[in-house]
PDB file of N, CA and C in Angstrom:
ATOM      1  N   MET A   1       0.849  -1.168   0.000  1.00  0.00           N
ATOM      2  CA  MET A   1       0.000   0.000   0.000  1.00  0.00           C
ATOM      3  C   MET A   1       0.898   1.235   0.000  1.00  0.00           C
ATOM      4  N   PRO A   2       0.602   2.220  -0.832  1.00  0.00           N
ATOM      5  CA  PRO A   2       1.453   3.407  -0.885  1.00  0.00           C
ATOM      6  C   PRO A   2       1.292   4.268   0.372  1.00  0.00           C
ATOM      7  N   GLU A   3       2.368   4.962   0.691  1.00  0.00           N
ATOM      8  CA  GLU A   3       2.362   5.816   1.881  1.00  0.00           C
ATOM      9  C   GLU A   3       1.715   7.156   1.537  1.00  0.00           C
ATOM     10  N   SER A   4       0.934   7.691   2.476  1.00  0.00           N
ATOM     11  CA  SER A   4       0.237   8.943   2.210  1.00  0.00           C
ATOM     12  C   SER A   4       1.214  10.128   2.212  1.00  0.00           C
ATOM     13  N   LYS A   5       0.836  11.182   1.539  1.00  0.00           N
ATOM     14  CA  LYS A   5       1.692  12.356   1.431  1.00  0.00           C
ATOM     15  C   LYS A   5       1.806  13.108   2.752  1.00  0.00           C
ATOM     16  N   SER A   6       0.832  12.999   3.599  1.00  0.00           N
ATOM     17  CA  SER A   6       0.860  13.737   4.858  1.00  0.00           C
ATOM     18  C   SER A   6       1.910  13.192   5.809  1.00  0.00           C
ATOM     19  N   ARG A   7       2.410  11.979   5.576  1.00  0.00           N
ATOM     20  CA  ARG A   7       3.408  11.409   6.470  1.00  0.00           C
ATOM     21  C   ARG A   7       4.816  11.850   6.133  1.00  0.00           C
ATOM     22  N   LYS A   8       5.034  12.413   4.994  1.00  0.00           N
ATOM     23  CA  LYS A   8       6.368  12.823   4.622  1.00  0.00           C
ATOM     24  C   LYS A   8       6.784  14.035   5.452  1.00  0.00           C
ATOM     25  N   LYS A   9       8.045  14.020   5.855  1.00  0.00           N
ATOM     26  CA  LYS A   9       8.553  15.126   6.654  1.00  0.00           C
ATOM     27  C   LYS A   9       8.882  16.304   5.753  1.00  0.00           C
ATOM     28  N   ALA A  10       8.671  17.462   6.302  1.00  0.00           N
ATOM     29  CA  ALA A  10       8.997  18.677   5.561  1.00  0.00           C
ATOM     30  C   ALA A  10      10.513  18.830   5.492  1.00  0.00           C
ATOM     31  N   THR A  11      10.990  19.519   4.495  1.00  0.00           N
ATOM     32  CA  THR A  11      12.420  19.747   4.385  1.00  0.00           C
ATOM     33  C   THR A  11      12.881  20.677   5.498  1.00  0.00           C
ATOM     34  N   TYR A  12      14.152  20.564   5.830  1.00  0.00           N
ATOM     35  CA  TYR A  12      14.710  21.368   6.916  1.00  0.00           C
ATOM     36  C   TYR A  12      14.762  22.829   6.507  1.00  0.00           C
ATOM     37  N   THR A  13      14.248  23.684   7.387  1.00  0.00           N
ATOM     38  CA  THR A  13      14.367  25.131   7.179  1.00  0.00           C
ATOM     39  C   THR A  13      15.144  25.691   8.362  1.00  0.00           C
ATOM     40  N   PRO A  14      16.248  26.373   8.102  1.00  0.00           N
ATOM     41  CA  PRO A  14      17.057  26.908   9.211  1.00  0.00           C
ATOM     42  C   PRO A  14      16.304  28.022   9.931  1.00  0.00           C
ATOM     43  N   PRO A  15      16.607  28.229  11.209  1.00  0.00           N
ATOM     44  CA  PRO A  15      15.941  29.313  11.949  1.00  0.00           C
ATOM     45  C   PRO A  15      16.331  30.665  11.349  1.00  0.00           C
ATOM     46  N   PRO A  16      15.471  31.659  11.547  1.00  0.00           N
ATOM     47  CA  PRO A  16      15.783  32.981  10.980  1.00  0.00           C
ATOM     48  C   PRO A  16      17.041  33.565  11.613  1.00  0.00           C
ATOM     49  N   ALA A  17      17.713  34.370  10.857  1.00  0.00           N
ATOM     50  CA  ALA A  17      18.937  35.001  11.346  1.00  0.00           C
ATOM     51  C   ALA A  17      18.601  35.965  12.486  1.00  0.00           C
ATOM     52  N   LYS A  18      19.494  36.005  13.461  1.00  0.00           N
ATOM     53  CA  LYS A  18      19.262  36.895  14.594  1.00  0.00           C
ATOM     54  C   LYS A  18      19.429  38.344  14.160  1.00  0.00           C
ATOM     55  N   ALA A  19      18.618  39.184  14.753  1.00  0.00           N
ATOM     56  CA  ALA A  19      18.686  40.614  14.443  1.00  0.00           C
ATOM     57  C   ALA A  19      19.983  41.184  15.010  1.00  0.00           C
ATOM     58  N   THR A  20      20.538  42.144  14.324  1.00  0.00           N
ATOM     59  CA  THR A  20      21.760  42.766  14.815  1.00  0.00           C
ATOM     60  C   THR A  20      21.433  43.674  15.992  1.00  0.00           C
ATOM     61  N   ALA A  21      22.417  43.882  16.809  1.00  0.00           N
ATOM     62  CA  ALA A  21      22.233  44.747  17.978  1.00  0.00           C
ATOM     63  C   ALA A  21      22.018  46.188  17.512  1.00  0.00           C
ATOM     64  N   PRO A  22      21.208  46.952  18.237  1.00  0.00           N
ATOM     65  CA  PRO A  22      20.990  48.346  17.839  1.00  0.00           C
ATOM     66  C   PRO A  22      22.295  49.140  17.914  1.00  0.00           C
ATOM     67  N   LYS A  23      22.408  50.094  17.019  1.00  0.00           N
ATOM     68  CA  LYS A  23      23.611  50.909  16.968  1.00  0.00           C
ATOM     69  C   LYS A  23      23.675  51.797  18.206  1.00  0.00           C
ATOM     70  N   PRO A  24      24.871  51.996  18.745  1.00  0.00           N
ATOM     71  CA  PRO A  24      24.978  52.890  19.909  1.00  0.00           C
ATOM     72  C   PRO A  24      24.681  54.333  19.502  1.00  0.00           C
ATOM     73  N   LEU A  25      24.189  55.064  20.446  1.00  0.00           N
ATOM     74  CA  LEU A  25      23.845  56.463  20.189  1.00  0.00           C
ATOM     75  C   LEU A  25      25.105  57.326  20.202  1.00  0.00           C
ATOM     76  N   PRO A  26      25.063  58.474  19.552  1.00  0.00           N
ATOM     77  CA  PRO A  26      26.238  59.354  19.557  1.00  0.00           C
ATOM     78  C   PRO A  26      26.562  59.843  20.970  1.00  0.00           C
ATOM     79  N   ARG A  27      27.794  60.294  21.135  1.00  0.00           N
ATOM     80  CA  ARG A  27      28.243  60.718  22.466  1.00  0.00           C
ATOM     81  C   ARG A  27      27.536  61.968  22.952  1.00  0.00           C
ATOM     82  N   TRP A  28      27.002  62.772  22.056  1.00  0.00           N
ATOM     83  CA  TRP A  28      26.366  64.029  22.437  1.00  0.00           C
ATOM     84  C   TRP A  28      24.932  63.831  22.902  1.00  0.00           C
ATOM     85  N   PHE A  29      24.387  62.633  22.748  1.00  0.00           N
ATOM     86  CA  PHE A  29      22.967  62.414  23.028  1.00  0.00           C
ATOM     87  C   PHE A  29      22.637  62.598  24.508  1.00  0.00           C
ATOM     88  N   LEU A  30      23.392  61.965  25.388  1.00  0.00           N
ATOM     89  CA  LEU A  30      23.114  62.072  26.826  1.00  0.00           C
ATOM     90  C   LEU A  30      23.341  63.486  27.354  1.00  0.00           C
ATOM     91  N   PRO A  31      24.469  64.154  27.019  1.00  0.00           N
ATOM     92  CA  PRO A  31      24.620  65.532  27.505  1.00  0.00           C
ATOM     93  C   PRO A  31      23.529  66.471  26.992  1.00  0.00           C
ATOM     94  N   LEU A  32      23.088  66.268  25.758  1.00  0.00           N
ATOM     95  CA  LEU A  32      22.030  67.131  25.233  1.00  0.00           C
ATOM     96  C   LEU A  32      20.723  66.921  25.978  1.00  0.00           C
ATOM     97  N   SER A  33      20.366  65.665  26.246  1.00  0.00           N
ATOM     98  CA  SER A  33      19.100  65.417  26.943  1.00  0.00           C
ATOM     99  C   SER A  33      19.151  65.950  28.376  1.00  0.00           C
ATOM    100  N   LEU A  34      20.265  65.758  29.060  1.00  0.00           N
ATOM    101  CA  LEU A  34      20.383  66.305  30.412  1.00  0.00           C
ATOM    102  C   LEU A  34      20.419  67.835  30.377  1.00  0.00           C
ATOM    103  N   GLY A  35      21.079  68.378  29.362  1.00  0.00           N
ATOM    104  CA  GLY A  35      21.114  69.831  29.214  1.00  0.00           C
ATOM    105  C   GLY A  35      19.732  70.419  28.981  1.00  0.00           C
ATOM    106  N   LEU A  36      18.908  69.727  28.191  1.00  0.00           N
ATOM    107  CA  LEU A  36      17.538  70.203  27.972  1.00  0.00           C
ATOM    108  C   LEU A  36      16.743  70.218  29.274  1.00  0.00           C
ATOM    109  N   MET A  37      16.903  69.171  30.075  1.00  0.00           N
ATOM    110  CA  MET A  37      16.152  69.127  31.333  1.00  0.00           C
ATOM    111  C   MET A  37      16.617  70.228  32.287  1.00  0.00           C
ATOM    112  N   ILE A  38      17.917  70.473  32.350  1.00  0.00           N
ATOM    113  CA  ILE A  38      18.421  71.537  33.222  1.00  0.00           C
ATOM    114  C   ILE A  38      17.996  72.900  32.700  1.00  0.00           C
ATOM    115  N   PHE A  39      18.062  73.090  31.375  1.00  0.00           N
ATOM    116  CA  PHE A  39      17.645  74.361  30.791  1.00  0.00           C
ATOM    117  C   PHE A  39      16.160  74.616  31.047  1.00  0.00           C
ATOM    118  N   GLY A  40      15.331  73.578  30.930  1.00  0.00           N
ATOM    119  CA  GLY A  40      13.906  73.733  31.215  1.00  0.00           C
ATOM    120  C   GLY A  40      13.655  74.088  32.669  1.00  0.00           C
ATOM    121  N   LEU A  41      14.427  73.478  33.555  1.00  0.00           N
ATOM    122  CA  LEU A  41      14.291  73.798  34.980  1.00  0.00           C
ATOM    123  C   LEU A  41      14.686  75.247  35.245  1.00  0.00           C
ATOM    124  N   LEU A  42      15.788  75.691  34.645  1.00  0.00           N
ATOM    125  CA  LEU A  42      16.196  77.088  34.816  1.00  0.00           C
ATOM    126  C   LEU A  42      15.160  78.042  34.229  1.00  0.00           C
ATOM    127  N   TRP A  43      14.558  77.648  33.122  1.00  0.00           N
ATOM    128  CA  TRP A  43      13.504  78.468  32.500  1.00  0.00           C
ATOM    129  C   TRP A  43      12.345  78.650  33.480  1.00  0.00           C
ATOM    130  N   LEU A  44      11.954  77.567  34.145  1.00  0.00           N
ATOM    131  CA  LEU A  44      10.855  77.648  35.107  1.00  0.00           C
ATOM    132  C   LEU A  44      11.239  78.498  36.324  1.00  0.00           C
ATOM    133  N   VAL A  45      12.465  78.363  36.798  1.00  0.00           N
ATOM    134  CA  VAL A  45      12.898  79.144  37.958  1.00  0.00           C
ATOM    135  C   VAL A  45      12.896  80.630  37.624  1.00  0.00           C
ATOM    136  N   VAL A  46      13.414  81.002  36.449  1.00  0.00           N
ATOM    137  CA  VAL A  46      13.415  82.411  36.044  1.00  0.00           C
ATOM    138  C   VAL A  46      11.987  82.911  35.900  1.00  0.00           C
ATOM    139  N   THR A  47      11.097  82.081  35.372  1.00  0.00           N
ATOM    140  CA  THR A  47       9.695  82.490  35.221  1.00  0.00           C
ATOM    141  C   THR A  47       9.058  82.771  36.582  1.00  0.00           C
ATOM    142  N   TYR A  48       9.328  81.890  37.555  1.00  0.00           N
ATOM    143  CA  TYR A  48       8.723  82.089  38.878  1.00  0.00           C
ATOM    144  C   TYR A  48       9.312  83.293  39.605  1.00  0.00           C
ATOM    145  N   LEU A  49      10.588  83.579  39.389  1.00  0.00           N
ATOM    146  CA  LEU A  49      11.225  84.680  40.104  1.00  0.00           C
ATOM    147  C   LEU A  49      10.991  86.031  39.454  1.00  0.00           C
ATOM    148  N   SER A  50      10.601  86.055  38.192  1.00  0.00           N
ATOM    149  CA  SER A  50      10.395  87.335  37.511  1.00  0.00           C
ATOM    150  C   SER A  50       9.030  87.916  37.881  1.00  0.00           C
ATOM    151  N   PRO A  51       8.938  89.239  37.948  1.00  0.00           N
ATOM    152  CA  PRO A  51       7.648  89.858  38.280  1.00  0.00           C
ATOM    153  C   PRO A  51       6.674  89.742  37.112  1.00  0.00           C
ATOM    154  N   GLY A  52       5.539  89.160  37.354  1.00  0.00           N
ATOM    155  CA  GLY A  52       4.498  89.035  36.339  1.00  0.00           C
ATOM    156  C   GLY A  52       4.847  88.070  35.217  1.00  0.00           C
ATOM    157  N   ALA A  53       5.790  87.194  35.436  1.00  0.00           N
ATOM    158  CA  ALA A  53       6.225  86.205  34.443  1.00  0.00           C
ATOM    159  C   ALA A  53       6.619  86.869  33.137  1.00  0.00           C
ATOM    160  N   ALA A  54       7.354  87.981  33.242  1.00  0.00           N
ATOM    161  CA  ALA A  54       7.769  88.722  32.044  1.00  0.00           C
ATOM    162  C   ALA A  54       9.059  88.178  31.444  1.00  0.00           C
ATOM    163  N   TYR A  55       9.776  87.384  32.204  1.00  0.00           N
ATOM    164  CA  TYR A  55      11.035  86.829  31.705  1.00  0.00           C
ATOM    165  C   TYR A  55      10.916  85.314  31.705  1.00  0.00           C
ATOM    166  N   PRO A  56      11.598  84.592  30.934  1.00  0.00           N
ATOM    167  CA  PRO A  56      12.594  84.892  29.921  1.00  0.00           C
ATOM    168  C   PRO A  56      11.996  85.443  28.628  1.00  0.00           C
ATOM    169  N   LEU A  57      10.742  85.204  28.345  1.00  0.00           N
ATOM    170  CA  LEU A  57      10.068  85.816  27.190  1.00  0.00           C
ATOM    171  C   LEU A  57       8.833  86.546  27.697  1.00  0.00           C
ATOM    172  N   PRO A  58       8.440  87.631  27.056  1.00  0.00           N
ATOM    173  CA  PRO A  58       7.249  88.357  27.523  1.00  0.00           C
ATOM    174  C   PRO A  58       5.955  87.712  27.032  1.00  0.00           C
ATOM    175  N   ILE A  59       5.741  86.441  27.379  1.00  0.00           N
ATOM    176  CA  ILE A  59       4.521  85.739  26.956  1.00  0.00           C
ATOM    177  C   ILE A  59       3.677  85.333  28.159  1.00  0.00           C
ATOM    178  N   GLY A  60       3.984  85.915  29.307  1.00  0.00           N
ATOM    179  CA  GLY A  60       3.169  85.671  30.497  1.00  0.00           C
ATOM    180  C   GLY A  60       3.317  84.251  31.024  1.00  0.00           C
ATOM    181  N   GLN A  61       2.202  83.663  31.400  1.00  0.00           N
ATOM    182  CA  GLN A  61       2.220  82.340  32.004  1.00  0.00           C
ATOM    183  C   GLN A  61       2.541  81.220  31.018  1.00  0.00           C
ATOM    184  N   TRP A  62       2.591  81.546  29.728  1.00  0.00           N
ATOM    185  CA  TRP A  62       2.975  80.534  28.742  1.00  0.00           C
ATOM    186  C   TRP A  62       4.435  80.130  28.901  1.00  0.00           C
ATOM    187  N   ASN A  63       5.201  80.918  29.638  1.00  0.00           N
ATOM    188  CA  ASN A  63       6.577  80.535  29.936  1.00  0.00           C
ATOM    189  C   ASN A  63       6.623  79.210  30.689  1.00  0.00           C
ATOM    190  N   LEU A  64       5.610  78.952  31.506  1.00  0.00           N
ATOM    191  CA  LEU A  64       5.558  77.674  32.213  1.00  0.00           C
ATOM    192  C   LEU A  64       5.410  76.512  31.231  1.00  0.00           C
ATOM    193  N   ALA A  65       4.560  76.699  30.235  1.00  0.00           N
ATOM    194  CA  ALA A  65       4.369  75.643  29.240  1.00  0.00           C
ATOM    195  C   ALA A  65       5.644  75.415  28.437  1.00  0.00           C
ATOM    196  N   VAL A  66       6.345  76.495  28.116  1.00  0.00           N
ATOM    197  CA  VAL A  66       7.596  76.353  27.359  1.00  0.00           C
ATOM    198  C   VAL A  66       8.630  75.612  28.198  1.00  0.00           C
ATOM    199  N   GLY A  67       8.758  75.971  29.463  1.00  0.00           N
ATOM    200  CA  GLY A  67       9.710  75.295  30.346  1.00  0.00           C
ATOM    201  C   GLY A  67       9.404  73.814  30.495  1.00  0.00           C
ATOM    202  N   PHE A  68       8.134  73.494  30.715  1.00  0.00           N
ATOM    203  CA  PHE A  68       7.774  72.076  30.839  1.00  0.00           C
ATOM    204  C   PHE A  68       7.951  71.325  29.525  1.00  0.00           C
ATOM    205  N   ALA A  69       7.716  71.987  28.406  1.00  0.00           N
ATOM    206  CA  ALA A  69       7.919  71.328  27.104  1.00  0.00           C
ATOM    207  C   ALA A  69       9.395  71.004  26.892  1.00  0.00           C
ATOM    208  N   ILE A  70      10.275  71.887  27.317  1.00  0.00           N
ATOM    209  CA  ILE A  70      11.709  71.624  27.195  1.00  0.00           C
ATOM    210  C   ILE A  70      12.112  70.454  28.081  1.00  0.00           C
ATOM    211  N   ILE A  71      11.574  70.407  29.295  1.00  0.00           N
ATOM    212  CA  ILE A  71      11.882  69.297  30.199  1.00  0.00           C
ATOM    213  C   ILE A  71      11.344  67.987  29.628  1.00  0.00           C
ATOM    214  N   ILE A  72      10.148  67.987  29.092  1.00  0.00           N
ATOM    215  CA  ILE A  72       9.560  66.777  28.518  1.00  0.00           C
ATOM    216  C   ILE A  72      10.371  66.305  27.313  1.00  0.00           C
ATOM    217  N   ALA A  73      10.903  67.248  26.527  1.00  0.00           N
ATOM    218  CA  ALA A  73      11.750  66.861  25.396  1.00  0.00           C
ATOM    219  C   ALA A  73      13.006  66.145  25.897  1.00  0.00           C
ATOM    220  N   GLY A  74      13.579  66.621  26.993  1.00  0.00           N
ATOM    221  CA  GLY A  74      14.744  65.948  27.577  1.00  0.00           C
ATOM    222  C   GLY A  74      14.409  64.557  28.071  1.00  0.00           C
ATOM    223  N   PHE A  75      13.269  64.410  28.749  1.00  0.00           N
ATOM    224  CA  PHE A  75      12.851  63.084  29.206  1.00  0.00           C
ATOM    225  C   PHE A  75      12.550  62.166  28.030  1.00  0.00           C
ATOM    226  N   GLY A  76      11.957  62.715  26.988  1.00  0.00           N
ATOM    227  CA  GLY A  76      11.679  61.904  25.800  1.00  0.00           C
ATOM    228  C   GLY A  76      12.954  61.386  25.164  1.00  0.00           C
ATOM    229  N   MET A  77      13.994  62.202  25.169  1.00  0.00           N
ATOM    230  CA  MET A  77      15.271  61.733  24.631  1.00  0.00           C
ATOM    231  C   MET A  77      15.861  60.641  25.521  1.00  0.00           C
ATOM    232  N   LEU A  78      15.674  60.745  26.815  1.00  0.00           N
ATOM    233  CA  LEU A  78      16.246  59.736  27.720  1.00  0.00           C
ATOM    234  C   LEU A  78      15.574  58.368  27.560  1.00  0.00           C
ATOM    235  N   THR A  79      14.368  58.333  27.040  1.00  0.00           N
ATOM    236  CA  THR A  79      13.726  57.030  26.818  1.00  0.00           C
ATOM    237  C   THR A  79      14.417  56.258  25.705  1.00  0.00           C
ATOM    238  N   ARG A  80      15.147  56.935  24.822  1.00  0.00           N
ATOM    239  CA  ARG A  80      15.867  56.281  23.736  1.00  0.00           C
ATOM    240  C   ARG A  80      17.312  55.966  24.087  1.00  0.00           C
ATOM    241  N   TRP A  81      17.782  56.418  25.262  1.00  0.00           N
ATOM    242  CA  TRP A  81      19.184  56.262  25.644  1.00  0.00           C
ATOM    243  C   TRP A  81      19.476  54.821  26.004  1.00  0.00           C
ATOM    244  N   ARG A  82      20.637  54.337  25.541  1.00  0.00           N
ATOM    245  CA  ARG A  82      21.082  52.976  25.880  1.00  0.00           C
ATOM    246  C   ARG A  82      22.380  53.063  26.622  1.00  0.00           C
TER     247      ARG A  82
END
């Protein structure tokens, strides 16, 4: 009696090649991200100490949003740091 086709073994397929390791980030990446966070903090301190939030830019309370946006950009960069 002939053997059924479903009993034949499949040909060998090698496992997929391993992915290469991610490339290291440039040396300036960490200092820039930390610098952004410090700059954002200084921006907020100057905003709180200035009368009527007129400094560093004359945009009033929007200086707080700018300072926090700079800090968030620094934290966002740190999520990519290896």
